[in-house]
């Protein structure tokens, strides 16, 4: 069952809600986008702990995720358009499909950006804002990993395993940040 495709079989309201959430927050693009965004934040964060560096980090991170998103849209549209089963499709259909499939990548940057925005505004210490952004990314990945299996009706142990494995990607990013800056 592909949760990204609409269902005409009269799915329950709960399943429809899960599908709506999956289409935005649980898509492969959202998981990938969360990891990429956290990696960019971790790599671009400097030892400087001032508001100007927080603003630079926020701008660099947002521009980077938009560039990665554009590359993702382009490659998805190209792959979709070149598929032998879709030779009669218009390029516009391929782009529409790619935009729909890739939206989660941009959405994934929203929550981790909040502490970065607060740091850029001087409401949080920049170092704390970076660390909070990274741990929010870990939390998001953990929840996404759990949800992927829960939506498919898996046992709690499998859901928790999915959460741990997916969240581990974010923890590795934090460990790499620590290794690079010390």
N, C-alpha and C. Protein backbone atom coordinates (compact mmCIF):
# COMPACT_ATOMS: atom_id res chain seq x y z
N UNK A 1 0.85 -1.17 0.00
CA UNK A 1 0.00 0.00 0.00
C UNK A 1 0.89 1.23 0.00
N UNK A 2 0.73 2.09 -0.97
CA UNK A 2 1.51 3.33 -1.05
C UNK A 2 0.70 4.43 -0.40
N UNK A 3 1.20 4.94 0.72
CA UNK A 3 0.46 5.96 1.45
C UNK A 3 0.50 7.32 0.78
N UNK A 4 1.29 7.46 -0.27
CA UNK A 4 1.35 8.73 -0.98
C UNK A 4 0.29 8.82 -2.07
N UNK A 5 -0.32 7.71 -2.41
CA UNK A 5 -1.34 7.70 -3.45
C UNK A 5 -2.73 7.75 -2.82
N UNK A 6 -3.67 8.46 -3.47
CA UNK A 6 -5.03 8.52 -2.92
C UNK A 6 -5.69 7.14 -2.97
N UNK A 7 -6.60 6.90 -2.04
CA UNK A 7 -7.29 5.62 -1.94
C UNK A 7 -8.76 5.82 -2.25
N UNK A 8 -9.26 5.07 -3.21
CA UNK A 8 -10.67 5.18 -3.59
C UNK A 8 -11.51 4.06 -3.00
N UNK A 9 -10.96 3.30 -2.05
CA UNK A 9 -11.66 2.14 -1.53
C UNK A 9 -12.46 2.45 -0.27
N UNK A 10 -12.61 3.70 0.09
CA UNK A 10 -13.39 4.07 1.26
C UNK A 10 -12.64 3.83 2.56
N UNK A 11 -11.41 4.24 2.62
CA UNK A 11 -10.59 4.06 3.82
C UNK A 11 -11.22 4.80 4.99
N UNK A 12 -10.95 4.31 6.19
CA UNK A 12 -11.51 4.95 7.38
C UNK A 12 -10.94 6.35 7.54
N UNK A 13 -11.62 7.15 8.34
CA UNK A 13 -11.18 8.53 8.59
C UNK A 13 -9.80 8.54 9.24
N UNK A 14 -9.56 7.61 10.16
CA UNK A 14 -8.26 7.54 10.83
C UNK A 14 -7.15 7.26 9.83
N UNK A 15 -7.38 6.33 8.93
CA UNK A 15 -6.38 6.02 7.91
C UNK A 15 -6.16 7.23 7.00
N UNK A 16 -7.23 7.96 6.70
CA UNK A 16 -7.09 9.16 5.87
C UNK A 16 -6.23 10.21 6.57
N UNK A 17 -6.41 10.35 7.89
CA UNK A 17 -5.59 11.31 8.65
C UNK A 17 -4.14 10.87 8.62
N UNK A 18 -3.90 9.56 8.86
CA UNK A 18 -2.53 9.05 8.80
C UNK A 18 -1.91 9.29 7.44
N UNK A 19 -2.69 9.09 6.39
CA UNK A 19 -2.17 9.31 5.04
C UNK A 19 -1.83 10.78 4.82
N UNK A 20 -2.67 11.66 5.31
CA UNK A 20 -2.39 13.09 5.17
C UNK A 20 -1.11 13.48 5.88
N UNK A 21 -0.94 12.96 7.09
CA UNK A 21 0.29 13.23 7.82
C UNK A 21 1.49 12.62 7.12
N UNK A 22 1.32 11.41 6.63
CA UNK A 22 2.41 10.73 5.94
C UNK A 22 2.84 11.51 4.70
N UNK A 23 1.88 12.01 3.96
CA UNK A 23 2.18 12.72 2.72
C UNK A 23 3.09 13.91 2.97
N UNK A 24 2.97 14.51 4.16
CA UNK A 24 3.78 15.69 4.46
C UNK A 24 4.99 15.38 5.33
N UNK A 25 4.77 14.77 6.49
CA UNK A 25 5.85 14.65 7.46
C UNK A 25 6.55 13.31 7.42
N UNK A 26 5.93 12.27 6.90
CA UNK A 26 6.54 10.95 6.94
C UNK A 26 7.07 10.48 5.62
N UNK A 27 7.14 11.34 4.66
CA UNK A 27 7.61 10.93 3.35
C UNK A 27 9.12 10.71 3.37
N UNK A 28 9.63 9.93 2.44
CA UNK A 28 11.09 9.79 2.34
C UNK A 28 11.79 11.14 2.20
N UNK A 29 11.17 12.06 1.49
CA UNK A 29 11.77 13.39 1.32
C UNK A 29 11.87 14.13 2.66
N UNK A 30 10.87 13.95 3.54
CA UNK A 30 10.92 14.61 4.85
C UNK A 30 12.01 14.01 5.73
N UNK A 31 12.15 12.70 5.69
CA UNK A 31 13.19 12.05 6.48
C UNK A 31 14.56 12.48 5.95
N UNK A 32 14.72 12.42 4.65
CA UNK A 32 15.98 12.83 4.03
C UNK A 32 16.24 14.32 4.30
N UNK A 33 15.22 15.14 4.16
CA UNK A 33 15.36 16.58 4.39
C UNK A 33 15.76 16.89 5.82
N UNK A 34 15.22 16.16 6.78
CA UNK A 34 15.58 16.38 8.18
C UNK A 34 17.05 16.06 8.41
N UNK A 35 17.51 14.95 7.84
CA UNK A 35 18.92 14.57 7.99
C UNK A 35 19.83 15.58 7.30
N UNK A 36 19.48 15.99 6.09
CA UNK A 36 20.29 16.96 5.36
C UNK A 36 20.33 18.29 6.11
N UNK A 37 19.17 18.76 6.56
CA UNK A 37 19.11 20.04 7.25
C UNK A 37 19.95 20.01 8.53
N UNK A 38 19.80 18.93 9.31
CA UNK A 38 20.59 18.81 10.54
C UNK A 38 22.08 18.76 10.21
N UNK A 39 22.44 18.08 9.14
CA UNK A 39 23.85 18.00 8.74
C UNK A 39 24.40 19.36 8.35
N UNK A 40 23.62 20.13 7.62
CA UNK A 40 24.06 21.47 7.22
C UNK A 40 24.20 22.36 8.46
N UNK A 41 23.23 22.31 9.36
CA UNK A 41 23.31 23.11 10.59
C UNK A 41 24.54 22.71 11.38
N UNK A 42 24.77 21.41 11.53
CA UNK A 42 25.92 20.95 12.31
C UNK A 42 27.24 21.37 11.66
N UNK A 43 27.34 21.21 10.36
CA UNK A 43 28.59 21.52 9.67
C UNK A 43 28.85 23.02 9.60
N UNK A 44 27.79 23.80 9.48
CA UNK A 44 27.97 25.25 9.30
C UNK A 44 28.06 26.00 10.63
N UNK A 45 27.68 25.36 11.72
CA UNK A 45 27.75 26.07 12.99
C UNK A 45 29.21 26.23 13.40
N UNK A 46 29.53 27.42 13.81
CA UNK A 46 30.92 27.75 14.16
C UNK A 46 31.04 27.89 15.67
N UNK A 47 32.26 28.03 16.08
CA UNK A 47 32.52 28.24 17.51
C UNK A 47 32.07 29.64 17.94
N UNK A 48 31.87 30.53 16.97
CA UNK A 48 31.40 31.88 17.30
C UNK A 48 30.02 31.78 17.94
N UNK A 49 29.85 32.50 19.01
CA UNK A 49 28.59 32.43 19.74
C UNK A 49 27.97 33.82 19.83
N UNK A 50 27.82 34.46 18.65
CA UNK A 50 27.23 35.80 18.65
C UNK A 50 26.02 35.81 17.70
N UNK A 51 25.27 36.88 17.77
CA UNK A 51 24.04 36.98 16.99
C UNK A 51 24.33 37.00 15.49
N UNK A 52 25.41 37.66 15.06
CA UNK A 52 25.74 37.72 13.63
C UNK A 52 26.02 36.32 13.09
N UNK A 53 26.71 35.48 13.85
CA UNK A 53 26.97 34.11 13.38
C UNK A 53 25.68 33.30 13.35
N UNK A 54 24.76 33.58 14.27
CA UNK A 54 23.47 32.89 14.28
C UNK A 54 22.66 33.25 13.04
N UNK A 55 22.71 34.51 12.65
CA UNK A 55 22.00 34.95 11.44
C UNK A 55 22.62 34.29 10.20
N UNK A 56 23.95 34.28 10.12
CA UNK A 56 24.63 33.63 8.99
C UNK A 56 24.26 32.15 8.90
N UNK A 57 24.26 31.49 10.05
CA UNK A 57 23.93 30.06 10.07
C UNK A 57 22.50 29.83 9.60
N UNK A 58 21.57 30.63 10.07
CA UNK A 58 20.18 30.49 9.66
C UNK A 58 20.04 30.69 8.16
N UNK A 59 20.61 31.75 7.62
CA UNK A 59 20.51 32.03 6.18
C UNK A 59 21.17 30.90 5.37
N UNK A 60 22.37 30.51 5.78
CA UNK A 60 23.09 29.45 5.06
C UNK A 60 22.30 28.14 5.08
N UNK A 61 21.73 27.79 6.23
CA UNK A 61 20.98 26.55 6.36
C UNK A 61 19.71 26.57 5.51
N UNK A 62 18.99 27.69 5.53
CA UNK A 62 17.76 27.79 4.74
C UNK A 62 18.06 27.78 3.25
N UNK A 63 19.08 28.51 2.83
CA UNK A 63 19.44 28.52 1.41
C UNK A 63 19.87 27.12 0.98
N UNK A 64 20.65 26.44 1.83
CA UNK A 64 21.12 25.10 1.49
C UNK A 64 19.97 24.12 1.33
N UNK A 65 18.98 24.16 2.23
CA UNK A 65 17.87 23.21 2.12
C UNK A 65 17.04 23.51 0.88
N UNK A 66 16.91 24.78 0.51
CA UNK A 66 16.18 25.13 -0.72
C UNK A 66 16.92 24.60 -1.95
N UNK A 67 18.25 24.71 -1.95
CA UNK A 67 19.04 24.19 -3.07
C UNK A 67 18.91 22.67 -3.15
N UNK A 68 19.01 21.98 -2.00
CA UNK A 68 18.84 20.53 -1.98
C UNK A 68 17.44 20.16 -2.44
N UNK A 69 16.43 20.92 -2.02
CA UNK A 69 15.05 20.66 -2.44
C UNK A 69 14.91 20.81 -3.95
N UNK A 70 15.49 21.88 -4.51
CA UNK A 70 15.41 22.09 -5.96
C UNK A 70 16.08 20.93 -6.71
N UNK A 71 17.22 20.48 -6.22
CA UNK A 71 17.90 19.35 -6.84
C UNK A 71 17.05 18.08 -6.72
N UNK A 72 16.37 17.93 -5.59
CA UNK A 72 15.51 16.77 -5.38
C UNK A 72 14.30 16.83 -6.32
N UNK A 73 13.70 18.00 -6.45
CA UNK A 73 12.57 18.15 -7.38
C UNK A 73 13.02 17.85 -8.81
N UNK A 74 14.15 18.41 -9.20
CA UNK A 74 14.66 18.20 -10.56
C UNK A 74 14.93 16.72 -10.82
N UNK A 75 15.64 16.06 -9.90
CA UNK A 75 15.97 14.66 -10.13
C UNK A 75 14.73 13.77 -10.10
N UNK A 76 13.77 14.08 -9.23
CA UNK A 76 12.53 13.31 -9.18
C UNK A 76 11.73 13.50 -10.47
N UNK A 77 11.63 14.74 -10.93
CA UNK A 77 10.91 15.00 -12.19
C UNK A 77 11.59 14.32 -13.36
N UNK A 78 12.89 14.37 -13.40
CA UNK A 78 13.64 13.74 -14.48
C UNK A 78 13.43 12.23 -14.47
N UNK A 79 13.54 11.62 -13.29
CA UNK A 79 13.32 10.18 -13.18
C UNK A 79 11.90 9.78 -13.53
N UNK A 80 10.94 10.55 -13.09
CA UNK A 80 9.53 10.27 -13.37
C UNK A 80 9.26 10.43 -14.86
N UNK A 81 9.80 11.49 -15.45
CA UNK A 81 9.56 11.76 -16.87
C UNK A 81 10.23 10.72 -17.76
N UNK A 82 11.37 10.21 -17.32
CA UNK A 82 12.10 9.23 -18.12
C UNK A 82 11.63 7.80 -17.94
N UNK A 83 10.69 7.57 -17.03
CA UNK A 83 10.17 6.23 -16.79
C UNK A 83 9.46 5.72 -18.04
N UNK A 84 9.78 4.51 -18.44
CA UNK A 84 9.21 3.93 -19.66
C UNK A 84 7.68 3.85 -19.60
N UNK A 85 7.11 3.72 -18.41
CA UNK A 85 5.66 3.65 -18.28
C UNK A 85 4.98 5.00 -18.45
N UNK A 86 5.76 6.07 -18.52
CA UNK A 86 5.19 7.41 -18.59
C UNK A 86 5.65 8.18 -19.83
N UNK A 87 6.00 7.50 -20.86
CA UNK A 87 6.52 8.17 -22.05
C UNK A 87 5.51 9.13 -22.67
N UNK A 88 4.23 8.91 -22.45
CA UNK A 88 3.21 9.79 -23.01
C UNK A 88 2.89 10.98 -22.12
N UNK A 89 3.41 11.00 -20.91
CA UNK A 89 3.13 12.10 -19.98
C UNK A 89 3.84 13.38 -20.41
N UNK A 90 3.22 14.49 -20.02
CA UNK A 90 3.85 15.79 -20.29
C UNK A 90 4.86 16.12 -19.20
N UNK A 91 5.80 16.97 -19.52
CA UNK A 91 6.80 17.41 -18.56
C UNK A 91 6.14 18.06 -17.36
N UNK A 92 5.07 18.79 -17.60
CA UNK A 92 4.33 19.45 -16.52
C UNK A 92 3.83 18.43 -15.49
N UNK A 93 3.39 17.26 -15.96
CA UNK A 93 2.94 16.21 -15.04
C UNK A 93 4.09 15.69 -14.19
N UNK A 94 5.25 15.57 -14.79
CA UNK A 94 6.43 15.11 -14.06
C UNK A 94 6.84 16.12 -13.00
N UNK A 95 6.79 17.38 -13.33
CA UNK A 95 7.15 18.43 -12.37
C UNK A 95 6.13 18.47 -11.23
N UNK A 96 4.86 18.36 -11.57
CA UNK A 96 3.81 18.35 -10.54
C UNK A 96 4.01 17.18 -9.58
N UNK A 97 4.30 16.01 -10.13
CA UNK A 97 4.57 14.83 -9.30
C UNK A 97 5.79 15.08 -8.40
N UNK A 98 6.84 15.64 -8.96
CA UNK A 98 8.08 15.89 -8.20
C UNK A 98 7.84 16.89 -7.08
N UNK A 99 7.08 17.92 -7.34
CA UNK A 99 6.78 18.91 -6.30
C UNK A 99 5.98 18.28 -5.17
N UNK A 100 5.02 17.43 -5.52
CA UNK A 100 4.20 16.76 -4.51
C UNK A 100 5.06 15.80 -3.67
N UNK A 101 5.94 15.07 -4.33
CA UNK A 101 6.79 14.11 -3.63
C UNK A 101 7.89 14.77 -2.79
N UNK A 102 8.31 15.95 -3.14
CA UNK A 102 9.46 16.59 -2.50
C UNK A 102 9.11 17.62 -1.44
N UNK A 103 7.85 17.93 -1.29
CA UNK A 103 7.44 18.98 -0.35
C UNK A 103 7.88 18.74 1.08
N UNK A 104 7.90 17.49 1.50
CA UNK A 104 8.31 17.17 2.86
C UNK A 104 9.73 17.58 3.18
N UNK A 105 10.55 17.70 2.16
CA UNK A 105 11.94 18.09 2.38
C UNK A 105 12.02 19.52 2.93
N UNK A 106 11.23 20.42 2.37
CA UNK A 106 11.20 21.79 2.88
C UNK A 106 10.49 21.87 4.23
N UNK A 107 9.41 21.12 4.37
CA UNK A 107 8.66 21.13 5.61
C UNK A 107 9.51 20.62 6.78
N UNK A 108 10.44 19.73 6.48
CA UNK A 108 11.29 19.15 7.52
C UNK A 108 12.18 20.20 8.18
N UNK A 109 12.42 21.30 7.51
CA UNK A 109 13.29 22.34 8.05
C UNK A 109 12.55 23.29 8.98
N UNK A 110 11.23 23.24 9.02
CA UNK A 110 10.46 24.22 9.80
C UNK A 110 10.76 24.12 11.30
N UNK A 111 10.57 22.96 11.88
CA UNK A 111 10.72 22.82 13.34
C UNK A 111 12.16 23.09 13.79
N UNK A 112 13.19 22.49 13.14
CA UNK A 112 14.55 22.80 13.59
C UNK A 112 14.96 24.25 13.35
N UNK A 113 14.26 24.95 12.49
CA UNK A 113 14.59 26.35 12.23
C UNK A 113 14.12 27.28 13.34
N UNK A 114 13.13 26.86 14.10
CA UNK A 114 12.57 27.74 15.14
C UNK A 114 13.64 28.19 16.13
N UNK A 115 14.43 27.27 16.72
CA UNK A 115 15.47 27.77 17.64
C UNK A 115 16.55 28.58 16.93
N UNK A 116 16.79 28.31 15.66
CA UNK A 116 17.77 29.11 14.91
C UNK A 116 17.26 30.53 14.70
N UNK A 117 15.97 30.66 14.42
CA UNK A 117 15.36 31.99 14.28
C UNK A 117 15.42 32.73 15.62
N UNK A 118 15.09 32.03 16.70
CA UNK A 118 15.14 32.66 18.03
C UNK A 118 16.57 33.09 18.37
N UNK A 119 17.57 32.30 17.97
CA UNK A 119 18.97 32.69 18.21
C UNK A 119 19.35 33.88 17.34
N UNK A 120 18.89 33.89 16.09
CA UNK A 120 19.18 35.01 15.20
C UNK A 120 18.54 36.30 15.70
N UNK A 121 17.42 36.19 16.38
CA UNK A 121 16.75 37.36 16.95
C UNK A 121 17.34 37.76 18.30
N UNK A 122 18.27 36.98 18.80
CA UNK A 122 18.89 37.27 20.08
C UNK A 122 18.08 36.80 21.28
N UNK A 123 17.06 35.97 21.05
CA UNK A 123 16.22 35.49 22.14
C UNK A 123 16.76 34.21 22.78
N UNK A 124 17.66 33.53 22.07
CA UNK A 124 18.34 32.35 22.61
C UNK A 124 19.83 32.52 22.37
N UNK A 125 20.67 31.96 23.24
CA UNK A 125 22.10 31.96 22.93
C UNK A 125 22.33 31.12 21.67
N UNK A 126 23.16 31.59 20.73
CA UNK A 126 23.35 30.87 19.46
C UNK A 126 23.74 29.41 19.62
N UNK A 127 24.66 29.11 20.54
CA UNK A 127 25.08 27.72 20.72
C UNK A 127 23.92 26.85 21.19
N UNK A 128 23.10 27.39 22.09
CA UNK A 128 21.93 26.66 22.57
C UNK A 128 20.92 26.46 21.43
N UNK A 129 20.74 27.50 20.60
CA UNK A 129 19.83 27.40 19.46
C UNK A 129 20.24 26.29 18.50
N UNK A 130 21.55 26.20 18.23
CA UNK A 130 22.06 25.14 17.34
C UNK A 130 21.80 23.77 17.96
N UNK A 131 22.17 23.63 19.23
CA UNK A 131 21.98 22.32 19.88
C UNK A 131 20.51 21.94 19.96
N UNK A 132 19.65 22.89 20.26
CA UNK A 132 18.22 22.62 20.31
C UNK A 132 17.70 22.22 18.92
N UNK A 133 18.15 22.91 17.89
CA UNK A 133 17.74 22.57 16.52
C UNK A 133 18.14 21.14 16.18
N UNK A 134 19.35 20.76 16.55
CA UNK A 134 19.82 19.41 16.24
C UNK A 134 19.04 18.35 17.02
N UNK A 135 18.76 18.62 18.29
CA UNK A 135 18.01 17.64 19.08
C UNK A 135 16.54 17.58 18.65
N UNK A 136 16.00 18.69 18.16
CA UNK A 136 14.65 18.65 17.59
C UNK A 136 14.63 17.79 16.33
N UNK A 137 15.70 17.86 15.54
CA UNK A 137 15.80 17.02 14.35
C UNK A 137 15.83 15.55 14.76
N UNK A 138 16.58 15.23 15.82
CA UNK A 138 16.62 13.85 16.32
C UNK A 138 15.23 13.41 16.76
N UNK A 139 14.54 14.28 17.49
CA UNK A 139 13.18 13.96 17.93
C UNK A 139 12.26 13.74 16.74
N UNK A 140 12.34 14.61 15.75
CA UNK A 140 11.52 14.46 14.54
C UNK A 140 11.80 13.13 13.86
N UNK A 141 13.08 12.80 13.69
CA UNK A 141 13.45 11.54 13.04
C UNK A 141 12.92 10.35 13.83
N UNK A 142 13.04 10.43 15.15
CA UNK A 142 12.56 9.35 16.01
C UNK A 142 11.05 9.16 15.84
N UNK A 143 10.32 10.27 15.87
CA UNK A 143 8.86 10.19 15.69
C UNK A 143 8.48 9.69 14.30
N UNK A 144 9.21 10.14 13.29
CA UNK A 144 8.94 9.67 11.93
C UNK A 144 9.20 8.17 11.82
N UNK A 145 10.31 7.71 12.40
CA UNK A 145 10.62 6.29 12.37
C UNK A 145 9.55 5.46 13.05
N UNK A 146 9.05 5.94 14.17
CA UNK A 146 7.98 5.24 14.87
C UNK A 146 6.69 5.23 14.03
N UNK A 147 6.34 6.39 13.51
CA UNK A 147 5.09 6.56 12.78
C UNK A 147 5.03 5.71 11.52
N UNK A 148 6.15 5.59 10.82
CA UNK A 148 6.17 4.79 9.59
C UNK A 148 5.67 3.38 9.86
N UNK A 149 6.13 2.80 10.96
CA UNK A 149 5.72 1.43 11.27
C UNK A 149 4.34 1.38 11.93
N UNK A 150 4.01 2.39 12.73
CA UNK A 150 2.70 2.41 13.38
C UNK A 150 1.57 2.54 12.37
N UNK A 151 1.78 3.35 11.34
CA UNK A 151 0.75 3.53 10.31
C UNK A 151 0.47 2.22 9.60
N UNK A 152 1.48 1.38 9.53
CA UNK A 152 1.32 0.08 8.87
C UNK A 152 0.85 -1.00 9.84
N UNK A 153 0.52 -0.61 11.08
CA UNK A 153 -0.05 -1.55 12.03
C UNK A 153 0.95 -2.52 12.65
N UNK A 154 2.22 -2.16 12.68
CA UNK A 154 3.23 -3.03 13.25
C UNK A 154 3.15 -3.04 14.78
N UNK A 155 3.72 -4.09 15.38
CA UNK A 155 3.78 -4.19 16.84
C UNK A 155 4.63 -3.05 17.40
N UNK A 156 4.40 -2.74 18.68
CA UNK A 156 5.09 -1.63 19.33
C UNK A 156 6.61 -1.83 19.30
N UNK A 157 7.09 -3.03 19.49
CA UNK A 157 8.53 -3.29 19.49
C UNK A 157 9.14 -2.94 18.13
N UNK A 158 8.45 -3.25 17.08
CA UNK A 158 8.95 -2.91 15.73
C UNK A 158 8.91 -1.40 15.54
N UNK A 159 7.85 -0.75 16.01
CA UNK A 159 7.74 0.71 15.91
C UNK A 159 8.88 1.38 16.67
N UNK A 160 9.17 0.87 17.87
CA UNK A 160 10.26 1.44 18.67
C UNK A 160 11.62 1.21 18.01
N UNK A 161 11.80 0.05 17.41
CA UNK A 161 13.05 -0.22 16.69
C UNK A 161 13.20 0.75 15.53
N UNK A 162 12.13 0.97 14.80
CA UNK A 162 12.16 1.95 13.70
C UNK A 162 12.49 3.34 14.21
N UNK A 163 11.95 3.68 15.37
CA UNK A 163 12.22 5.00 15.96
C UNK A 163 13.70 5.14 16.33
N UNK A 164 14.25 4.11 16.95
CA UNK A 164 15.65 4.16 17.37
C UNK A 164 16.58 4.24 16.16
N UNK A 165 16.32 3.42 15.16
CA UNK A 165 17.19 3.42 13.97
C UNK A 165 17.12 4.76 13.25
N UNK A 166 15.92 5.28 13.06
CA UNK A 166 15.78 6.55 12.35
C UNK A 166 16.37 7.70 13.16
N UNK A 167 16.10 7.73 14.45
CA UNK A 167 16.66 8.77 15.31
C UNK A 167 18.18 8.71 15.38
N UNK A 168 18.74 7.52 15.21
CA UNK A 168 20.19 7.36 15.26
C UNK A 168 20.90 8.16 14.18
N UNK A 169 20.25 8.38 13.05
CA UNK A 169 20.86 9.22 12.01
C UNK A 169 21.13 10.63 12.54
N UNK A 170 20.18 11.16 13.28
CA UNK A 170 20.36 12.49 13.86
C UNK A 170 21.43 12.50 14.94
N UNK A 171 21.49 11.44 15.73
CA UNK A 171 22.51 11.36 16.78
C UNK A 171 23.90 11.31 16.14
N UNK A 172 24.03 10.58 15.04
CA UNK A 172 25.32 10.52 14.33
C UNK A 172 25.72 11.91 13.85
N UNK A 173 24.77 12.69 13.38
CA UNK A 173 25.07 14.06 12.95
C UNK A 173 25.60 14.87 14.13
N UNK A 174 24.99 14.73 15.29
CA UNK A 174 25.44 15.46 16.47
C UNK A 174 26.85 15.00 16.89
N UNK A 175 27.08 13.71 16.82
CA UNK A 175 28.41 13.19 17.17
C UNK A 175 29.47 13.71 16.19
N UNK A 176 29.12 13.77 14.91
CA UNK A 176 30.06 14.31 13.92
C UNK A 176 30.35 15.79 14.20
N UNK A 177 29.30 16.54 14.55
CA UNK A 177 29.50 17.95 14.89
C UNK A 177 30.47 18.08 16.06
N UNK A 178 30.26 17.27 17.08
CA UNK A 178 31.14 17.32 18.26
C UNK A 178 32.57 16.94 17.90
N UNK A 179 32.72 15.94 17.06
CA UNK A 179 34.07 15.51 16.66
C UNK A 179 34.78 16.57 15.82
N UNK A 180 34.04 17.26 14.98
CA UNK A 180 34.64 18.27 14.11
C UNK A 180 35.02 19.54 14.87
N UNK A 181 34.30 19.85 15.92
CA UNK A 181 34.52 21.13 16.61
C UNK A 181 35.36 20.99 17.87
N UNK A 182 35.85 19.79 18.17
CA UNK A 182 36.68 19.63 19.37
C UNK A 182 37.98 19.00 19.06
